[in-house]
Amino acid sequence: MTALSPAFQLHGKKGLVLGLANEHSIAWGCAQQAHAMGAELVVSCLNDKARPFVEPLTQALGLDLQTCNIETPDELAHLVSYAAGKLGRLDFVIHSIAWAPLQDLHGRVVDSSSVGFARAMEVSCHSFATLAQLCAPHMTSGGSMVTMTYLGADEAVPHYGLMGPVKAALESLVRYMALELGPQNIRVHAVSPGPIPTRAASGIEAFDALMQSNIDKSPLRRLVTLEEIANLSTFLCTDAASGMTGQTIYVDAGSHAVA
């Protein structure tokens, strides 16, 4: 059997993964896979309340777990400073953070409050720009930045509501970040998974129906797995993806391609 090219590995790479919530979270899948591919990591969860759900997972792999609430002033800056100091540099960052107030998420977009809309945009979109601003000085040899989006950015998906416009802004942000950071050899992507049962997704109304619709519609006739999402996300952090930037890349069993 031919050995896998080093370009498809993360040996020697240093990474930061944000957004761990439990064993079902996309961030945890990405952290697991990056660790298996040889990366040295710092990972984060929201706060001490979330820590008991995450710490047993990270301890089993020997990962450095920190807390970070991006709505609390200076916590994101502290996390990036800590990670860069601990690791020596940063080669990739995976941002898997999204949130909206339930009242605004469950209502009509036209009824959403300006405060709720702004908070959803700050947490789910602008935090990626802030993260890039903080991380770029530590990515002295270039690297990769990855965030998570959803098909509701491009299509009006029932019950996705407020998060649709927010994710649309995030995908546009990715393209502008790719343009601005490209001269530093920093690549930027949005990964767009199909629906899977994560803690964040549990806040969406009729989510079971959304998952079933994806199964019925997708060419592969199934949902994707956490491992498949992590495989794509970590691939984008490897040198094998060095010629790619500014893209929204789907891992959704093909459902985005079917009317």
Protein backbone atom coordinates (compact mmCIF):
# COMPACT_ATOMS: atom_id res chain seq x y z
CA MET A 1 0.00 0.00 0.00
CA THR A 2 1.34 3.43 -0.96
CA ALA A 3 1.90 5.77 2.00
CA LEU A 4 -0.31 8.85 2.11
CA SER A 5 1.47 11.95 0.82
CA PRO A 6 2.63 14.32 3.57
CA ALA A 7 0.58 17.01 1.83
CA PHE A 8 -2.56 15.24 3.07
CA GLN A 9 -1.38 15.20 6.69
CA LEU A 10 -1.17 17.78 9.45
CA HIS A 11 2.04 16.57 11.10
CA GLY A 12 3.88 19.58 12.49
CA LYS A 13 0.91 21.89 11.97
CA LYS A 14 -0.45 24.04 14.80
CA GLY A 15 -4.16 24.72 14.99
CA LEU A 16 -6.95 26.37 16.95
CA VAL A 17 -10.47 24.90 16.92
CA LEU A 18 -13.35 26.92 18.38
CA GLY A 19 -16.84 25.79 19.28
CA LEU A 20 -16.71 22.42 21.04
CA ALA A 21 -19.99 21.64 22.81
CA ASN A 22 -20.20 17.85 23.14
CA GLU A 23 -19.35 14.64 21.28
CA HIS A 24 -21.82 15.53 18.51
CA SER A 25 -20.44 18.98 17.71
CA ILE A 26 -18.75 19.67 14.40
CA ALA A 27 -15.86 21.34 16.20
CA TRP A 28 -15.22 18.14 18.16
CA GLY A 29 -15.23 16.06 14.97
CA CYS A 30 -12.72 18.47 13.43
CA ALA A 31 -10.51 18.43 16.53
CA GLN A 32 -10.51 14.62 16.61
CA GLN A 33 -9.57 14.37 12.94
CA ALA A 34 -6.91 17.09 13.08
CA HIS A 35 -5.35 15.36 16.08
CA ALA A 36 -5.39 12.01 14.27
CA MET A 37 -3.66 13.67 11.31
CA GLY A 38 -0.82 14.84 13.55
CA ALA A 39 -1.72 18.43 14.40
CA GLU A 40 -0.95 20.07 17.73
CA LEU A 41 -4.08 21.84 18.95
CA VAL A 42 -5.66 24.28 21.32
CA VAL A 43 -9.46 23.94 21.43
CA SER A 44 -12.22 25.96 23.05
CA CYS A 45 -15.71 25.61 24.48
CA LEU A 46 -18.09 28.39 25.45
CA ASN A 47 -17.68 28.55 29.23
CA ASP A 48 -17.26 26.57 32.43
CA LYS A 49 -20.85 25.36 32.16
CA ALA A 50 -19.97 23.65 28.88
CA ARG A 51 -16.66 22.27 30.15
CA PRO A 52 -18.03 19.06 31.79
CA PHE A 53 -19.51 18.02 28.43
CA VAL A 54 -16.24 18.59 26.59
CA GLU A 55 -13.36 18.00 28.98
CA PRO A 56 -13.67 14.17 29.10
CA LEU A 57 -13.35 14.16 25.31
CA THR A 58 -10.34 16.46 25.12
CA GLN A 59 -8.57 14.86 28.07
CA ALA A 60 -8.72 11.48 26.32
CA LEU A 61 -6.68 12.96 23.46
CA GLY A 62 -4.51 15.21 25.60
CA LEU A 63 -5.89 18.37 24.01
CA ASP A 64 -5.52 21.79 25.62
CA LEU A 65 -9.07 22.99 26.35
CA GLN A 66 -9.81 26.66 26.98
CA THR A 67 -13.06 28.59 27.39
CA CYS A 68 -14.07 31.46 25.12
CA ASN A 69 -17.31 33.43 24.95
CA ILE A 70 -16.84 35.76 22.02
CA GLU A 71 -19.50 38.11 23.41
CA THR A 72 -17.35 38.77 26.47
CA PRO A 73 -14.83 41.54 25.74
CA ASP A 74 -11.25 40.39 25.23
CA GLU A 75 -11.95 36.64 25.63
CA LEU A 76 -11.30 35.90 21.96
CA ALA A 77 -8.12 37.99 21.99
CA HIS A 78 -6.97 36.15 25.10
CA LEU A 79 -7.66 32.76 23.52
CA VAL A 80 -5.72 33.56 20.35
CA SER A 81 -2.82 35.03 22.34
CA TYR A 82 -2.75 31.94 24.55
CA ALA A 83 -2.89 29.52 21.63
CA ALA A 84 -0.17 31.32 19.67
CA GLY A 85 2.05 31.43 22.75
CA LYS A 86 1.46 27.78 23.59
CA LEU A 87 1.91 26.49 20.04
CA GLY A 88 4.51 28.98 18.83
CA ARG A 89 2.51 29.90 15.73
CA LEU A 90 -0.79 29.11 14.03
CA ASP A 91 -1.17 27.20 10.76
CA PHE A 92 -4.94 26.77 10.72
CA VAL A 93 -8.07 27.88 12.52
CA ILE A 94 -11.49 26.20 12.48
CA HIS A 95 -14.41 28.41 13.54
CA SER A 96 -17.57 26.46 14.38
CA ILE A 97 -19.64 28.97 16.31
CA ALA A 98 -23.24 29.99 15.59
CA TRP A 99 -26.04 31.34 17.77
CA ALA A 100 -29.20 33.43 17.64
CA PRO A 101 -31.74 34.33 20.32
CA LEU A 102 -34.52 31.74 20.22
CA GLN A 103 -37.27 34.34 20.03
CA ASP A 104 -35.73 35.78 16.87
CA LEU A 105 -34.73 32.40 15.44
CA HIS A 106 -38.22 30.92 15.84
CA GLY A 107 -40.03 33.97 14.50
CA ARG A 108 -40.30 35.45 11.05
CA VAL A 109 -37.25 37.28 9.73
CA VAL A 110 -39.40 40.37 9.17
CA ASP A 111 -40.31 40.32 12.86
CA SER A 112 -36.76 39.87 14.16
CA SER A 113 -35.48 42.46 16.61
CA SER A 114 -32.56 44.64 15.68
CA VAL A 115 -30.82 43.60 18.89
CA GLY A 116 -31.32 39.89 18.22
CA PHE A 117 -30.25 40.22 14.60
CA ALA A 118 -27.12 42.12 15.64
CA ARG A 119 -26.20 39.52 18.28
CA ALA A 120 -26.68 36.66 15.81
CA MET A 121 -24.50 38.48 13.30
CA GLU A 122 -21.79 39.22 15.86
CA VAL A 123 -21.59 35.67 17.20
CA SER A 124 -22.11 33.73 13.98
CA CYS A 125 -20.45 35.97 11.40
CA HIS A 126 -18.38 38.93 12.56
CA SER A 127 -16.55 36.82 15.14
CA PHE A 128 -14.87 35.05 12.20
CA ALA A 129 -13.54 38.39 10.92
CA THR A 130 -12.31 39.27 14.41
CA LEU A 131 -10.71 35.86 14.71
CA ALA A 132 -8.91 36.38 11.41
CA GLN A 133 -7.64 39.79 12.48
CA LEU A 134 -6.22 38.27 15.67
CA CYS A 135 -4.80 35.11 14.11
CA ALA A 136 -3.25 36.47 10.92
CA PRO A 137 -0.17 37.97 12.63
CA HIS A 138 0.60 34.52 14.05
CA MET A 139 0.26 32.75 10.68
CA THR A 140 3.70 33.79 9.53
CA SER A 141 4.01 30.98 6.97
CA GLY A 142 0.46 31.29 5.71
CA GLY A 143 -2.24 28.82 6.54
CA SER A 144 -5.95 28.13 6.43
CA MET A 145 -9.09 29.52 8.08
CA VAL A 146 -12.32 27.53 7.94
CA THR A 147 -15.84 28.38 9.12
CA MET A 148 -19.20 26.56 8.98
CA THR A 149 -22.22 27.65 6.96
CA TYR A 150 -25.43 26.06 5.64
CA LEU A 151 -27.52 25.89 2.46
CA GLY A 152 -29.99 28.33 4.06
CA ALA A 153 -27.53 31.06 3.07
CA ASP A 154 -28.46 30.53 -0.59
CA GLU A 155 -32.02 29.19 -0.37
CA ALA A 156 -34.94 30.08 1.87
CA VAL A 157 -35.16 26.99 4.06
CA PRO A 158 -38.31 26.70 6.19
CA HIS A 159 -37.68 27.34 9.90
CA TYR A 160 -34.04 28.39 9.33
CA GLY A 161 -35.19 31.99 9.56
CA LEU A 162 -32.80 34.59 10.87
CA MET A 163 -29.74 32.38 10.42
CA GLY A 164 -30.19 32.39 6.63
CA PRO A 165 -29.25 36.05 6.17
CA VAL A 166 -26.53 35.68 8.80
CA LYS A 167 -24.94 32.72 7.01
CA ALA A 168 -25.24 34.57 3.69
CA ALA A 169 -23.20 37.37 5.21
CA LEU A 170 -20.69 34.83 6.51
CA GLU A 171 -20.20 33.33 3.05
CA SER A 172 -19.64 36.79 1.58
CA LEU A 173 -17.22 37.54 4.41
CA VAL A 174 -15.23 34.42 3.48
CA ARG A 175 -14.74 35.71 -0.06
CA TYR A 176 -13.57 39.14 1.10
CA MET A 177 -11.27 37.62 3.71
CA ALA A 178 -9.77 35.37 1.02
CA LEU A 179 -9.08 38.43 -1.13
CA GLU A 180 -7.55 40.42 1.71
CA LEU A 181 -5.49 37.64 3.31
CA GLY A 182 -4.35 35.93 0.11
CA PRO A 183 -1.16 38.03 -0.15
CA GLN A 184 -0.16 36.53 3.24
CA ASN A 185 -0.76 33.05 1.82
CA ILE A 186 -3.73 32.61 4.16
CA ARG A 187 -6.59 30.65 2.60
CA VAL A 188 -10.20 31.05 3.73
CA HIS A 189 -13.14 28.69 3.22
CA ALA A 190 -16.69 28.03 4.35
CA VAL A 191 -17.73 24.40 4.75
CA SER A 192 -21.45 23.84 4.21
CA PRO A 193 -22.61 20.60 5.85
CA GLY A 194 -26.00 19.07 5.48
CA PRO A 195 -28.15 18.97 8.63
CA ILE A 196 -26.89 16.77 11.43
CA PRO A 197 -28.15 16.55 15.02
CA THR A 198 -25.84 18.93 16.87
CA ARG A 199 -26.64 20.98 19.97
CA ALA A 200 -26.78 24.16 17.88
CA ALA A 201 -29.17 22.57 15.39
CA SER A 202 -31.54 21.58 18.19
CA GLY A 203 -32.64 25.20 18.42
CA ILE A 204 -34.14 25.11 14.90
CA GLU A 205 -37.85 24.34 14.77
CA ALA A 206 -38.96 21.14 12.96
CA PHE A 207 -35.34 20.03 12.64
CA ASP A 208 -36.31 16.36 12.35
CA ALA A 209 -38.40 17.23 9.31
CA LEU A 210 -35.47 19.16 7.84
CA MET A 211 -33.19 16.15 8.22
CA GLN A 212 -35.76 13.84 6.64
CA SER A 213 -36.20 16.25 3.75
CA ASN A 214 -32.44 16.20 3.19
CA ILE A 215 -32.46 12.39 3.11
CA ASP A 216 -35.33 12.32 0.62
CA LYS A 217 -33.81 14.99 -1.62
CA SER A 218 -30.12 14.14 -1.64
CA PRO A 219 -28.67 11.91 -4.37
CA LEU A 220 -26.99 9.75 -1.70
CA ARG A 221 -30.33 9.38 0.13
CA ARG A 222 -28.81 9.91 3.57
CA LEU A 223 -27.39 12.45 5.96
CA VAL A 224 -23.67 13.08 6.11
CA THR A 225 -21.68 12.06 9.16
CA LEU A 226 -19.63 14.09 11.58
CA GLU A 227 -16.56 12.28 10.29
CA GLU A 228 -17.30 13.31 6.70
CA ILE A 229 -17.63 16.96 7.70
CA ALA A 230 -14.38 16.74 9.66
CA ASN A 231 -12.61 15.06 6.75
CA LEU A 232 -13.42 17.97 4.43
CA SER A 233 -12.65 20.63 7.01
CA THR A 234 -9.26 19.22 7.93
CA PHE A 235 -8.37 18.56 4.27
CA LEU A 236 -8.75 22.31 3.68
CA CYS A 237 -6.15 22.85 6.41
CA THR A 238 -3.57 20.61 4.73
CA ASP A 239 -0.99 21.57 2.12
CA ALA A 240 -2.93 19.44 -0.36
CA ALA A 241 -5.49 22.27 -0.52
CA SER A 242 -2.85 24.98 -1.02
CA GLY A 243 -4.30 26.15 -4.36
CA MET A 244 -7.83 26.69 -3.01
CA THR A 245 -9.35 29.72 -1.31
CA GLY A 246 -12.52 31.77 -1.08
CA GLN A 247 -14.93 28.90 -1.57
CA THR A 248 -18.11 27.59 0.01
CA ILE A 249 -17.75 23.81 -0.22
CA TYR A 250 -20.70 21.50 0.36
CA VAL A 251 -20.64 18.21 2.23
CA ASP A 252 -24.35 17.40 2.25
CA ALA A 253 -24.81 14.13 0.34
CA GLY A 254 -25.43 16.23 -2.76
CA SER A 255 -28.67 17.85 -1.64
CA HIS A 256 -27.53 21.35 -2.65
CA ALA A 257 -27.36 20.24 -6.30
CA VAL A 258 -30.96 19.02 -6.51
CA ALA A 259 -33.98 21.28 -6.99
